[in-house]
Amino acid sequence: MNGHRQGSRSLTSANVFGLGYDIAALDMSMDMHMFGFMYAPSDQLTFMGMVNFVENSMNMLHKPGQMHMGGGMDMGGGMDMGGGMDMHHHGGKMSHRSSGIGDISIGGLYRFYNEKNQRAHLNLSVVLPSAGVEEREHGMLLPYGMQLGSGTWDLKPGITWLGQSGSFSYGAQVMATVRLEDKNDAGYALGDRLDTTAWLARELMDGLSASVRLSYTKSDPIEGHFHNAHNHNSPTFLQANYGGDFLESGIGLNWQFKKGALKGHRFAIEGIFPLDQDTNGVGMDRDYTVIAGWQFAF
């Protein structure tokens, strides 16, 4: 992600300061390493589990000018800490980092249709509250977006449709994320989310295919509130600044090895780029996503 936007309009750091904030995010990156296992006891049913390791980093910029020490600090329970002292500074950059185990999910796929090169599956997963949601740096809580997962029990129902026609394959998927709890151990809950995507792929040569994809995500803002002391001087600390509507496109390559020492292995890479963004409040401006994966079937 690269800076902020308000709705469909990108913002400069000066724009963010003009909205009354003292700190603006310059950029943020998230690296997620996902490890999954799938087992199919029958042709219709597949069980799966996944765990991920998350690494977040954010660079931020202080507003030049007067800074009021102690102001804008929420002590939890809706109580603000006033008083303090005033001082002058010339702005400056700072950075935050967090890392650790993210959300763990378990679930399955059930194939309920398989006719004339068409297949359809029902998806259902449960997300366990395994991620840290009170990550700190220098004793202070990090922003909501720097936490490692939801920290709530979540349900992810969905449906996937796949088709094949000659050298072309295609499909679509609708997946929802429903938070089953009003708040996590830190006092808040991420918003519900709906993800829809459709794709088309063409085989370029035996085992190698290229794909294009279009996806739409709708995400609600965060509900609840950190119950421990935290700042309110940056958009990333306010719940209403999370979520929104996002339309993105993707292009990828997929290698499937059908013989030799790598038989059963599949490698894939995809780049995803935003087409349209409409954030809730002053959210982060998405830049790009790269997904690379390795899969082995036996």
C-alpha atoms as a PDB file:
ATOM      1  CA  MET A   1       0.000   0.000   0.000  1.00  0.00           C
ATOM      2  CA  ASN A   2       1.185   3.499  -0.758  1.00  0.00           C
ATOM      3  CA  GLY A   3      -0.119   6.399   1.328  1.00  0.00           C
ATOM      4  CA  HIS A   4      -3.758   7.258   2.011  1.00  0.00           C
ATOM      5  CA  ARG A   5      -6.950   7.878   0.095  1.00  0.00           C
ATOM      6  CA  GLN A   6     -10.358   9.228   1.098  1.00  0.00           C
ATOM      7  CA  GLY A   7     -13.068   7.375  -0.761  1.00  0.00           C
ATOM      8  CA  SER A   8     -11.997   7.399  -4.417  1.00  0.00           C
ATOM      9  CA  ARG A   9      -9.455  10.248  -4.044  1.00  0.00           C
ATOM     10  CA  SER A  10      -5.763   9.724  -3.325  1.00  0.00           C
ATOM     11  CA  LEU A  11      -4.321  11.955  -0.606  1.00  0.00           C
ATOM     12  CA  THR A  12      -0.905  13.476  -0.052  1.00  0.00           C
ATOM     13  CA  SER A  13       0.552  13.607   3.451  1.00  0.00           C
ATOM     14  CA  ALA A  14      -0.282  17.328   3.487  1.00  0.00           C
ATOM     15  CA  ASN A  15      -3.931  16.451   2.717  1.00  0.00           C
ATOM     16  CA  VAL A  16      -3.963  14.040   5.666  1.00  0.00           C
ATOM     17  CA  PHE A  17      -2.518  16.693   7.981  1.00  0.00           C
ATOM     18  CA  GLY A  18      -5.133  19.126   6.715  1.00  0.00           C
ATOM     19  CA  LEU A  19      -7.836  16.735   7.939  1.00  0.00           C
ATOM     20  CA  GLY A  20      -6.557  17.150  11.482  1.00  0.00           C
ATOM     21  CA  TYR A  21      -4.189  14.190  11.797  1.00  0.00           C
ATOM     22  CA  ASP A  22      -0.644  14.536  13.163  1.00  0.00           C
ATOM     23  CA  ILE A  23       0.783  11.403  11.522  1.00  0.00           C
ATOM     24  CA  ALA A  24       0.304  10.087   7.961  1.00  0.00           C
ATOM     25  CA  ALA A  25       1.307   6.671   6.642  1.00  0.00           C
ATOM     26  CA  LEU A  26       3.778   6.868   3.752  1.00  0.00           C
ATOM     27  CA  ASP A  27       3.571   3.199   2.801  1.00  0.00           C
ATOM     28  CA  MET A  28       2.794  -0.224   4.230  1.00  0.00           C
ATOM     29  CA  SER A  29       3.690  -3.731   3.148  1.00  0.00           C
ATOM     30  CA  MET A  30       2.368  -7.086   4.296  1.00  0.00           C
ATOM     31  CA  ASP A  31       4.160 -10.363   3.627  1.00  0.00           C
ATOM     32  CA  MET A  32       2.105 -13.470   4.334  1.00  0.00           C
ATOM     33  CA  HIS A  33       3.591 -16.956   4.180  1.00  0.00           C
ATOM     34  CA  MET A  34       0.783 -19.515   3.971  1.00  0.00           C
ATOM     35  CA  PHE A  35       1.181 -23.238   4.603  1.00  0.00           C
ATOM     36  CA  GLY A  36      -1.733 -25.494   3.733  1.00  0.00           C
ATOM     37  CA  PHE A  37      -2.636 -29.175   3.605  1.00  0.00           C
ATOM     38  CA  MET A  38      -5.556 -30.813   1.805  1.00  0.00           C
ATOM     39  CA  TYR A  39      -6.823 -34.393   2.037  1.00  0.00           C
ATOM     40  CA  ALA A  40      -9.601 -35.915  -0.067  1.00  0.00           C
ATOM     41  CA  PRO A  41     -11.211 -39.056   1.444  1.00  0.00           C
ATOM     42  CA  SER A  42     -13.504 -39.188  -1.619  1.00  0.00           C
ATOM     43  CA  ASP A  43     -13.935 -37.536  -5.022  1.00  0.00           C
ATOM     44  CA  GLN A  44     -16.661 -35.290  -3.576  1.00  0.00           C
ATOM     45  CA  LEU A  45     -15.137 -34.217  -0.253  1.00  0.00           C
ATOM     46  CA  THR A  46     -11.833 -32.494   0.533  1.00  0.00           C
ATOM     47  CA  PHE A  47     -10.630 -31.433   3.979  1.00  0.00           C
ATOM     48  CA  MET A  48      -8.123 -28.608   4.347  1.00  0.00           C
ATOM     49  CA  GLY A  49      -6.184 -26.683   6.933  1.00  0.00           C
ATOM     50  CA  MET A  50      -4.000 -23.587   6.695  1.00  0.00           C
ATOM     51  CA  VAL A  51      -1.708 -21.595   8.938  1.00  0.00           C
ATOM     52  CA  ASN A  52       0.111 -18.396   8.009  1.00  0.00           C
ATOM     53  CA  PHE A  53       2.994 -16.291   9.238  1.00  0.00           C
ATOM     54  CA  VAL A  54       2.573 -12.529   8.819  1.00  0.00           C
ATOM     55  CA  GLU A  55       5.167  -9.751   8.577  1.00  0.00           C
ATOM     56  CA  ASN A  56       3.964  -6.132   8.496  1.00  0.00           C
ATOM     57  CA  SER A  57       5.936  -2.921   8.096  1.00  0.00           C
ATOM     58  CA  MET A  58       4.748   0.695   7.901  1.00  0.00           C
ATOM     59  CA  ASN A  59       6.610   3.955   7.330  1.00  0.00           C
ATOM     60  CA  MET A  60       4.968   7.094   8.705  1.00  0.00           C
ATOM     61  CA  LEU A  61       5.529  10.847   8.650  1.00  0.00           C
ATOM     62  CA  HIS A  62       5.027  13.288  11.538  1.00  0.00           C
ATOM     63  CA  LYS A  63       3.324  16.597  10.822  1.00  0.00           C
ATOM     64  CA  PRO A  64       5.798  19.472  11.130  1.00  0.00           C
ATOM     65  CA  GLY A  65       4.931  22.150  13.681  1.00  0.00           C
ATOM     66  CA  GLN A  66       3.544  22.056  17.164  1.00  0.00           C
ATOM     67  CA  MET A  67       2.992  18.752  18.904  1.00  0.00           C
ATOM     68  CA  HIS A  68       0.975  18.423  22.103  1.00  0.00           C
ATOM     69  CA  MET A  69       2.404  15.627  24.249  1.00  0.00           C
ATOM     70  CA  GLY A  70      -0.364  13.619  25.871  1.00  0.00           C
ATOM     71  CA  GLY A  71      -3.147  14.903  23.607  1.00  0.00           C
ATOM     72  CA  GLY A  72      -4.979  12.495  21.367  1.00  0.00           C
ATOM     73  CA  MET A  73      -4.239   9.529  23.629  1.00  0.00           C
ATOM     74  CA  ASP A  74      -7.171   7.236  24.353  1.00  0.00           C
ATOM     75  CA  MET A  75      -6.742   5.464  27.669  1.00  0.00           C
ATOM     76  CA  GLY A  76      -9.418   2.862  26.933  1.00  0.00           C
ATOM     77  CA  GLY A  77     -13.022   2.848  28.029  1.00  0.00           C
ATOM     78  CA  GLY A  78     -13.655   6.079  26.090  1.00  0.00           C
ATOM     79  CA  MET A  79     -11.437   8.220  28.379  1.00  0.00           C
ATOM     80  CA  ASP A  80      -9.009  10.657  26.760  1.00  0.00           C
ATOM     81  CA  MET A  81      -5.867  11.813  28.504  1.00  0.00           C
ATOM     82  CA  GLY A  82      -5.610  15.606  28.396  1.00  0.00           C
ATOM     83  CA  GLY A  83      -3.017  18.031  29.666  1.00  0.00           C
ATOM     84  CA  GLY A  84       0.654  17.527  28.925  1.00  0.00           C
ATOM     85  CA  MET A  85       3.050  19.970  27.346  1.00  0.00           C
ATOM     86  CA  ASP A  86       3.551  21.611  23.982  1.00  0.00           C
ATOM     87  CA  MET A  87       6.732  21.336  21.940  1.00  0.00           C
ATOM     88  CA  HIS A  88       7.836  22.162  18.398  1.00  0.00           C
ATOM     89  CA  HIS A  89       9.353  19.733  15.921  1.00  0.00           C
ATOM     90  CA  HIS A  90      10.160  19.751  12.202  1.00  0.00           C
ATOM     91  CA  GLY A  91       8.450  16.524  11.249  1.00  0.00           C
ATOM     92  CA  GLY A  92      10.218  13.275  10.643  1.00  0.00           C
ATOM     93  CA  LYS A  93       9.806   9.705   9.566  1.00  0.00           C
ATOM     94  CA  MET A  94       9.187   6.716  11.773  1.00  0.00           C
ATOM     95  CA  SER A  95       8.522   3.054  11.131  1.00  0.00           C
ATOM     96  CA  HIS A  96       6.561   0.219  12.728  1.00  0.00           C
ATOM     97  CA  ARG A  97       6.983  -3.533  12.361  1.00  0.00           C
ATOM     98  CA  SER A  98       5.083  -6.579  13.549  1.00  0.00           C
ATOM     99  CA  SER A  99       5.361 -10.289  12.820  1.00  0.00           C
ATOM    100  CA  GLY A 100       4.049 -13.611  14.064  1.00  0.00           C
ATOM    101  CA  ILE A 101       1.561 -16.409  13.522  1.00  0.00           C
ATOM    102  CA  GLY A 102      -1.607 -15.252  11.803  1.00  0.00           C
ATOM    103  CA  ASP A 103      -5.034 -16.834  11.568  1.00  0.00           C
ATOM    104  CA  ILE A 104      -5.402 -20.622  11.380  1.00  0.00           C
ATOM    105  CA  SER A 105      -8.283 -21.988   9.317  1.00  0.00           C
ATOM    106  CA  ILE A 106      -9.772 -25.460   8.992  1.00  0.00           C
ATOM    107  CA  GLY A 107     -12.549 -26.502   6.663  1.00  0.00           C
ATOM    108  CA  GLY A 108     -13.473 -28.342   3.539  1.00  0.00           C
ATOM    109  CA  LEU A 109     -14.807 -28.432  -0.018  1.00  0.00           C
ATOM    110  CA  TYR A 110     -17.807 -30.442  -1.167  1.00  0.00           C
ATOM    111  CA  ARG A 111     -18.298 -31.058  -4.895  1.00  0.00           C
ATOM    112  CA  PHE A 112     -22.006 -31.086  -5.593  1.00  0.00           C
ATOM    113  CA  TYR A 113     -21.947 -30.838  -9.396  1.00  0.00           C
ATOM    114  CA  ASN A 114     -19.765 -32.532 -12.009  1.00  0.00           C
ATOM    115  CA  GLU A 115     -21.262 -32.625 -15.508  1.00  0.00           C
ATOM    116  CA  LYS A 116     -20.051 -31.823 -19.049  1.00  0.00           C
ATOM    117  CA  ASN A 117     -16.681 -30.319 -18.041  1.00  0.00           C
ATOM    118  CA  GLN A 118     -18.370 -28.212 -15.359  1.00  0.00           C
ATOM    119  CA  ARG A 119     -17.752 -28.568 -11.614  1.00  0.00           C
ATOM    120  CA  ALA A 120     -19.104 -26.712  -8.599  1.00  0.00           C
ATOM    121  CA  HIS A 121     -18.016 -26.852  -4.969  1.00  0.00           C
ATOM    122  CA  LEU A 122     -19.335 -25.580  -1.671  1.00  0.00           C
ATOM    123  CA  ASN A 123     -16.640 -24.042   0.538  1.00  0.00           C
ATOM    124  CA  LEU A 124     -16.786 -23.795   4.313  1.00  0.00           C
ATOM    125  CA  SER A 125     -13.976 -22.864   6.702  1.00  0.00           C
ATOM    126  CA  VAL A 126     -13.701 -21.820  10.316  1.00  0.00           C
ATOM    127  CA  VAL A 127     -10.992 -19.327  11.298  1.00  0.00           C
ATOM    128  CA  LEU A 128      -9.493 -19.784  14.750  1.00  0.00           C
ATOM    129  CA  PRO A 129      -8.492 -16.732  16.855  1.00  0.00           C
ATOM    130  CA  SER A 130      -4.802 -17.611  16.807  1.00  0.00           C
ATOM    131  CA  ALA A 131      -3.335 -14.276  15.662  1.00  0.00           C
ATOM    132  CA  GLY A 132      -1.947 -11.579  17.949  1.00  0.00           C
ATOM    133  CA  VAL A 133      -4.231  -8.528  18.120  1.00  0.00           C
ATOM    134  CA  GLU A 134      -2.414  -6.494  20.779  1.00  0.00           C
ATOM    135  CA  GLU A 135       0.982  -6.186  19.080  1.00  0.00           C
ATOM    136  CA  ARG A 136       3.078  -3.370  20.504  1.00  0.00           C
ATOM    137  CA  GLU A 137       6.253  -1.470  19.742  1.00  0.00           C
ATOM    138  CA  HIS A 138       8.101   0.517  22.404  1.00  0.00           C
ATOM    139  CA  GLY A 139       5.240  -0.328  24.759  1.00  0.00           C
ATOM    140  CA  MET A 140       2.560   1.291  22.572  1.00  0.00           C
ATOM    141  CA  LEU A 141      -0.216  -0.502  20.713  1.00  0.00           C
ATOM    142  CA  LEU A 142       0.306  -0.673  16.958  1.00  0.00           C
ATOM    143  CA  PRO A 143      -2.526   0.381  14.594  1.00  0.00           C
ATOM    144  CA  TYR A 144      -5.342  -2.040  13.762  1.00  0.00           C
ATOM    145  CA  GLY A 145      -3.861  -2.709  10.330  1.00  0.00           C
ATOM    146  CA  MET A 146      -0.537  -3.743  11.870  1.00  0.00           C
ATOM    147  CA  GLN A 147      -2.118  -6.489  13.978  1.00  0.00           C
ATOM    148  CA  LEU A 148      -1.627 -10.072  12.791  1.00  0.00           C
ATOM    149  CA  GLY A 149      -5.201 -11.225  12.152  1.00  0.00           C
ATOM    150  CA  SER A 150      -8.789 -10.946  13.273  1.00  0.00           C
ATOM    151  CA  GLY A 151      -8.480 -12.496  16.734  1.00  0.00           C
ATOM    152  CA  THR A 152     -12.135 -13.660  16.495  1.00  0.00           C
ATOM    153  CA  TRP A 153     -13.834 -16.882  15.502  1.00  0.00           C
ATOM    154  CA  ASP A 154     -14.838 -16.362  11.863  1.00  0.00           C
ATOM    155  CA  LEU A 155     -16.904 -18.348   9.380  1.00  0.00           C
ATOM    156  CA  LYS A 156     -16.023 -18.405   5.667  1.00  0.00           C
ATOM    157  CA  PRO A 157     -18.791 -19.875   3.487  1.00  0.00           C
ATOM    158  CA  GLY A 158     -18.562 -19.790  -0.291  1.00  0.00           C
ATOM    159  CA  ILE A 159     -19.207 -21.412  -3.641  1.00  0.00           C
ATOM    160  CA  THR A 160     -16.786 -22.102  -6.510  1.00  0.00           C
ATOM    161  CA  TRP A 161     -17.618 -22.926 -10.133  1.00  0.00           C
ATOM    162  CA  LEU A 162     -15.088 -24.297 -12.642  1.00  0.00           C
ATOM    163  CA  GLY A 163     -15.321 -25.052 -16.356  1.00  0.00           C
ATOM    164  CA  GLN A 164     -13.166 -26.396 -19.197  1.00  0.00           C
ATOM    165  CA  SER A 165     -13.483 -25.921 -22.938  1.00  0.00           C
ATOM    166  CA  GLY A 166     -10.625 -27.081 -25.138  1.00  0.00           C
ATOM    167  CA  SER A 167      -7.469 -25.221 -24.150  1.00  0.00           C
ATOM    168  CA  PHE A 168      -9.458 -22.731 -22.069  1.00  0.00           C
ATOM    169  CA  SER A 169     -10.516 -23.015 -18.436  1.00  0.00           C
ATOM    170  CA  TYR A 170     -12.632 -20.559 -16.488  1.00  0.00           C
ATOM    171  CA  GLY A 171     -14.308 -20.136 -13.157  1.00  0.00           C
ATOM    172  CA  ALA A 172     -15.838 -17.899 -10.545  1.00  0.00           C
ATOM    173  CA  GLN A 173     -16.006 -17.812  -6.775  1.00  0.00           C
ATOM    174  CA  VAL A 174     -18.012 -15.984  -4.115  1.00  0.00           C
ATOM    175  CA  MET A 175     -16.649 -16.099  -0.564  1.00  0.00           C
ATOM    176  CA  ALA A 176     -17.895 -14.353   2.575  1.00  0.00           C
ATOM    177  CA  THR A 177     -16.106 -13.774   5.876  1.00  0.00           C
ATOM    178  CA  VAL A 178     -18.498 -13.490   8.811  1.00  0.00           C
ATOM    179  CA  ARG A 179     -17.204 -12.492  12.248  1.00  0.00           C
ATOM    180  CA  LEU A 180     -18.841 -14.733  14.844  1.00  0.00           C
ATOM    181  CA  GLU A 181     -17.868 -12.516  17.793  1.00  0.00           C
ATOM    182  CA  ASP A 182     -18.549  -8.858  18.564  1.00  0.00           C
ATOM    183  CA  LYS A 183     -14.985  -8.293  19.745  1.00  0.00           C
ATOM    184  CA  ASN A 184     -11.641 -10.013  20.181  1.00  0.00           C
ATOM    185  CA  ASP A 185      -9.365 -10.001  23.228  1.00  0.00           C
ATOM    186  CA  ALA A 186      -8.251  -6.462  22.353  1.00  0.00           C
ATOM    187  CA  GLY A 187     -11.828  -5.122  22.281  1.00  0.00           C
ATOM    188  CA  TYR A 188     -12.657  -4.877  18.565  1.00  0.00           C
ATOM    189  CA  ALA A 189     -13.727  -7.004  15.585  1.00  0.00           C
ATOM    190  CA  LEU A 190     -12.770  -6.640  11.934  1.00  0.00           C
ATOM    191  CA  GLY A 191     -15.665  -5.957   9.579  1.00  0.00           C
ATOM    192  CA  ASP A 192     -17.499  -8.640   7.613  1.00  0.00           C
ATOM    193  CA  ARG A 193     -16.176  -9.134   4.099  1.00  0.00           C
ATOM    194  CA  LEU A 194     -17.405 -10.332   0.697  1.00  0.00           C
ATOM    195  CA  ASP A 195     -14.949 -11.471  -1.994  1.00  0.00           C
ATOM    196  CA  THR A 196     -16.024 -12.274  -5.557  1.00  0.00           C
ATOM    197  CA  THR A 197     -13.752 -13.201  -8.431  1.00  0.00           C
ATOM    198  CA  ALA A 198     -13.913 -14.588 -11.985  1.00  0.00           C
ATOM    199  CA  TRP A 199     -11.045 -15.811 -14.146  1.00  0.00           C
ATOM    200  CA  LEU A 200     -10.129 -17.150 -17.564  1.00  0.00           C
ATOM    201  CA  ALA A 201      -7.028 -19.217 -18.360  1.00  0.00           C
ATOM    202  CA  ARG A 202      -5.537 -20.573 -21.573  1.00  0.00           C
ATOM    203  CA  GLU A 203      -2.993 -23.332 -22.006  1.00  0.00           C
ATOM    204  CA  LEU A 204       0.054 -21.958 -23.823  1.00  0.00           C
ATOM    205  CA  MET A 205       1.888 -25.279 -24.060  1.00  0.00           C
ATOM    206  CA  ASP A 206       1.731 -28.602 -22.274  1.00  0.00           C
ATOM    207  CA  GLY A 207       1.714 -27.837 -18.566  1.00  0.00           C
ATOM    208  CA  LEU A 208       1.979 -24.034 -18.936  1.00  0.00           C
ATOM    209  CA  SER A 209      -1.037 -21.715 -18.825  1.00  0.00           C
ATOM    210  CA  ALA A 210      -1.689 -17.992 -18.482  1.00  0.00           C
ATOM    211  CA  SER A 211      -4.648 -16.449 -16.671  1.00  0.00           C
ATOM    212  CA  VAL A 212      -6.493 -13.161 -16.262  1.00  0.00           C
ATOM    213  CA  ARG A 213      -8.761 -12.367 -13.337  1.00  0.00           C
ATOM    214  CA  LEU A 214     -11.201  -9.743 -12.134  1.00  0.00           C
ATOM    215  CA  SER A 215     -12.097  -9.467  -8.438  1.00  0.00           C
ATOM    216  CA  TYR A 216     -14.330  -7.318  -6.260  1.00  0.00           C
ATOM    217  CA  THR A 217     -14.095  -6.993  -2.474  1.00  0.00           C
ATOM    218  CA  LYS A 218     -16.501  -5.263  -0.118  1.00  0.00           C
ATOM    219  CA  SER A 219     -15.297  -4.909   3.473  1.00  0.00           C
ATOM    220  CA  ASP A 220     -17.111  -3.308   6.405  1.00  0.00           C
ATOM    221  CA  PRO A 221     -15.319  -1.007   8.890  1.00  0.00           C
ATOM    222  CA  ILE A 222     -13.980  -2.253  12.203  1.00  0.00           C
ATOM    223  CA  GLU A 223     -16.428  -2.494  15.088  1.00  0.00           C
ATOM    224  CA  GLY A 224     -15.515  -1.974  18.723  1.00  0.00           C
ATOM    225  CA  HIS A 225     -12.371  -0.301  20.002  1.00  0.00           C
ATOM    226  CA  PHE A 226      -8.970  -1.031  21.513  1.00  0.00           C
ATOM    227  CA  HIS A 227      -9.630  -1.267  25.251  1.00  0.00           C
ATOM    228  CA  ASN A 228      -6.051  -0.293  26.153  1.00  0.00           C
ATOM    229  CA  ALA A 229      -4.317   3.083  25.733  1.00  0.00           C
ATOM    230  CA  HIS A 230      -3.570   4.025  22.126  1.00  0.00           C
ATOM    231  CA  ASN A 231      -3.135   7.072  19.911  1.00  0.00           C
ATOM    232  CA  HIS A 232      -5.789   8.762  17.781  1.00  0.00           C
ATOM    233  CA  ASN A 233      -3.367  10.971  15.842  1.00  0.00           C
ATOM    234  CA  SER A 234      -3.237   8.822  12.676  1.00  0.00           C
ATOM    235  CA  PRO A 235      -5.975   7.511  10.339  1.00  0.00           C
ATOM    236  CA  THR A 236      -4.696   3.970  10.980  1.00  0.00           C
ATOM    237  CA  PHE A 237      -5.890   4.159  14.623  1.00  0.00           C
ATOM    238  CA  LEU A 238      -9.536   4.904  13.776  1.00  0.00           C
ATOM    239  CA  GLN A 239     -11.927   2.010  13.116  1.00  0.00           C
ATOM    240  CA  ALA A 240     -14.046   3.898  10.558  1.00  0.00           C
ATOM    241  CA  ASN A 241     -10.992   4.235   8.272  1.00  0.00           C
ATOM    242  CA  TYR A 242     -10.875   0.513   7.475  1.00  0.00           C
ATOM    243  CA  GLY A 243     -12.633  -1.395   4.713  1.00  0.00           C
ATOM    244  CA  GLY A 244     -14.325  -0.189   1.550  1.00  0.00           C
ATOM    245  CA  ASP A 245     -15.027  -1.360  -2.004  1.00  0.00           C
ATOM    246  CA  PHE A 246     -12.154  -2.564  -4.187  1.00  0.00           C
ATOM    247  CA  LEU A 247     -12.098  -3.678  -7.836  1.00  0.00           C
ATOM    248  CA  GLU A 248      -8.867  -5.326  -8.984  1.00  0.00           C
ATOM    249  CA  SER A 249      -7.430  -7.189 -11.970  1.00  0.00           C
ATOM    250  CA  GLY A 250      -4.872  -9.977 -12.027  1.00  0.00           C
ATOM    251  CA  ILE A 251      -2.591 -11.688 -14.536  1.00  0.00           C
ATOM    252  CA  GLY A 252      -0.734 -14.895 -13.829  1.00  0.00           C
ATOM    253  CA  LEU A 253       1.256 -17.911 -15.028  1.00  0.00           C
ATOM    254  CA  ASN A 254       0.845 -21.509 -13.891  1.00  0.00           C
ATOM    255  CA  TRP A 255       3.275 -24.401 -14.420  1.00  0.00           C
ATOM    256  CA  GLN A 256       2.096 -27.964 -13.853  1.00  0.00           C
ATOM    257  CA  PHE A 257       4.745 -30.674 -14.142  1.00  0.00           C
ATOM    258  CA  LYS A 258       3.288 -33.915 -15.522  1.00  0.00           C
ATOM    259  CA  LYS A 259       6.431 -36.039 -15.704  1.00  0.00           C
ATOM    260  CA  GLY A 260      10.013 -36.239 -14.533  1.00  0.00           C
ATOM    261  CA  ALA A 261      11.393 -35.542 -11.073  1.00  0.00           C
ATOM    262  CA  LEU A 262       8.878 -32.706 -10.491  1.00  0.00           C
ATOM    263  CA  LYS A 263       5.806 -34.712 -11.474  1.00  0.00           C
ATOM    264  CA  GLY A 264       2.858 -33.659  -9.297  1.00  0.00           C
ATOM    265  CA  HIS A 265       4.328 -30.242  -8.553  1.00  0.00           C
ATOM    266  CA  ARG A 266       2.643 -26.994  -9.538  1.00  0.00           C
ATOM    267  CA  PHE A 267       4.141 -23.496  -9.449  1.00  0.00           C
ATOM    268  CA  ALA A 268       2.126 -20.321  -9.948  1.00  0.00           C
ATOM    269  CA  ILE A 269       2.627 -16.564  -9.805  1.00  0.00           C
ATOM    270  CA  GLU A 270       0.105 -13.755 -10.155  1.00  0.00           C
ATOM    271  CA  GLY A 271       0.213  -9.978 -10.052  1.00  0.00           C
ATOM    272  CA  ILE A 272      -2.899  -8.110  -8.867  1.00  0.00           C
ATOM    273  CA  PHE A 273      -3.470  -4.410  -9.516  1.00  0.00           C
ATOM    274  CA  PRO A 274      -6.270  -2.049  -8.409  1.00  0.00           C
ATOM    275  CA  LEU A 275      -8.736  -0.732 -10.969  1.00  0.00           C
ATOM    276  CA  ASP A 276     -11.013   1.208  -8.631  1.00  0.00           C
ATOM    277  CA  GLN A 277     -10.920   1.890  -4.885  1.00  0.00           C
ATOM    278  CA  ASP A 278     -13.525   3.482  -2.632  1.00  0.00           C
ATOM    279  CA  THR A 279     -12.281   3.363   0.944  1.00  0.00           C
ATOM    280  CA  ASN A 280     -14.257   3.886   4.115  1.00  0.00           C
ATOM    281  CA  GLY A 281     -12.985   7.125   5.648  1.00  0.00           C
ATOM    282  CA  VAL A 282      -9.267   7.828   5.214  1.00  0.00           C
ATOM    283  CA  GLY A 283      -7.966   4.380   4.331  1.00  0.00           C
ATOM    284  CA  MET A 284      -4.754   3.036   2.866  1.00  0.00           C
ATOM    285  CA  ASP A 285      -4.220   3.320  -0.897  1.00  0.00           C
ATOM    286  CA  ARG A 286      -3.628  -0.136  -2.399  1.00  0.00           C
ATOM    287  CA  ASP A 287      -0.687  -0.365  -4.781  1.00  0.00           C
ATOM    288  CA  TYR A 288      -0.188  -3.985  -5.894  1.00  0.00           C
ATOM    289  CA  THR A 289      -0.181  -7.592  -4.709  1.00  0.00           C
ATOM    290  CA  VAL A 290       2.066 -10.464  -5.807  1.00  0.00           C
ATOM    291  CA  ILE A 291       1.062 -14.056  -5.065  1.00  0.00           C
ATOM    292  CA  ALA A 292       3.526 -16.902  -5.615  1.00  0.00           C
ATOM    293  CA  GLY A 293       2.771 -20.489  -4.722  1.00  0.00           C
ATOM    294  CA  TRP A 294       4.033 -24.046  -4.791  1.00  0.00           C
ATOM    295  CA  GLN A 295       1.752 -27.062  -4.560  1.00  0.00           C
ATOM    296  CA  PHE A 296       2.537 -30.765  -4.492  1.00  0.00           C
ATOM    297  CA  ALA A 297      -0.153 -33.407  -4.968  1.00  0.00           C
ATOM    298  CA  PHE A 298       0.314 -37.087  -4.198  1.00  0.00           C
END
